[in-house]
Protein backbone atom coordinates (compact mmCIF):
# COMPACT_ATOMS: atom_id res chain seq x y z
CA UNK A 1 -5.45 1.85 22.13
CA UNK A 2 -4.95 -0.31 19.03
CA UNK A 3 -4.38 3.40 17.28
CA UNK A 4 -1.32 4.06 19.18
CA UNK A 5 0.27 0.77 18.74
CA UNK A 6 0.98 1.83 15.01
CA UNK A 7 3.33 5.18 16.28
CA UNK A 8 5.11 2.53 18.44
CA UNK A 9 6.06 0.07 15.30
CA UNK A 10 6.66 2.76 13.27
CA UNK A 11 9.11 4.29 15.97
CA UNK A 12 10.66 1.36 16.54
CA UNK A 13 10.94 0.31 12.72
CA UNK A 14 12.62 3.80 11.67
CA UNK A 15 15.40 2.39 13.89
CA UNK A 16 16.12 -0.72 11.16
CA UNK A 17 14.59 0.93 8.27
CA UNK A 18 14.38 4.68 6.38
CA UNK A 19 11.73 6.52 5.64
CA UNK A 20 11.54 5.25 2.21
CA UNK A 21 11.85 1.44 3.02
CA UNK A 22 9.07 1.44 6.10
CA UNK A 23 6.14 3.23 3.60
CA UNK A 24 7.19 1.04 0.60
CA UNK A 25 7.05 -2.08 2.93
CA UNK A 26 3.77 -0.84 4.41
CA UNK A 27 2.25 -0.12 0.56
CA UNK A 28 3.72 -3.60 -0.58
CA UNK A 29 1.73 -5.40 2.58
CA UNK A 30 -1.41 -3.64 2.15
CA UNK A 31 -1.30 -4.30 -1.46
CA UNK A 32 -1.01 -7.74 -0.31
CA UNK A 33 -3.70 -7.84 2.22
CA UNK A 34 -6.20 -6.76 -0.52
CA UNK A 35 -5.49 -8.61 -3.35
CA UNK A 36 -7.58 -11.47 -2.18
CA UNK A 37 -10.40 -9.36 -2.07
CA UNK A 38 -10.33 -7.95 -5.10
CA UNK A 39 -9.72 -11.27 -6.98
CA UNK A 40 -12.50 -12.50 -5.21
CA UNK A 41 -14.30 -9.55 -6.36
CA UNK A 42 -13.11 -9.60 -9.47
CA UNK A 43 -13.99 -13.46 -10.10
CA UNK A 44 -17.54 -13.32 -8.61
CA UNK A 45 -18.22 -10.54 -11.19
CA UNK A 46 -16.51 -11.88 -13.86
CA UNK A 47 -16.31 -8.50 -15.71
CA UNK A 48 -13.59 -8.11 -17.81
CA UNK A 49 -10.64 -5.47 -16.46
CA UNK A 50 -9.64 -2.73 -18.81
CA UNK A 51 -6.25 -3.13 -20.40
CA UNK A 52 -5.23 0.24 -18.96
CA UNK A 53 -6.81 -0.18 -15.36
CA UNK A 54 -3.92 -2.16 -14.21
CA UNK A 55 -1.13 1.12 -15.73
CA UNK A 56 -3.26 3.62 -13.99
CA UNK A 57 -3.68 1.70 -10.59
CA UNK A 58 0.28 0.98 -10.54
CA UNK A 59 0.36 4.87 -11.29
CA UNK A 60 -2.34 5.69 -8.58
CA UNK A 61 0.05 3.61 -6.30
CA UNK A 62 3.40 4.87 -7.26
CA UNK A 63 1.83 8.79 -6.59
CA UNK A 64 0.62 7.60 -3.27
CA UNK A 65 3.95 6.24 -2.37
CA UNK A 66 5.47 9.42 -3.16
CA UNK A 67 2.84 11.68 -1.51
CA UNK A 68 3.78 9.39 1.81
CA UNK A 69 7.23 9.89 1.33
CA UNK A 70 7.38 13.31 0.76
CA UNK A 71 4.72 13.79 4.01
CA UNK A 72 7.43 12.41 5.97
CA UNK A 73 10.54 14.78 5.10
């Protein structure tokens, strides 16, 4: 039942937004939901984030976004 609700929400959202906008919004919401957990883990660990990690993280996110958009076309 819960799994099927995602398709209902997506169908409703497609009336108001393009596939690119919808996919970008999904990725943004997912990132915002995961960010507090990542921040808490980072604070507890006390590790220093390597300089190139944020750039690589952004690149991976962009590739995932492009792949999701291409999947919809």
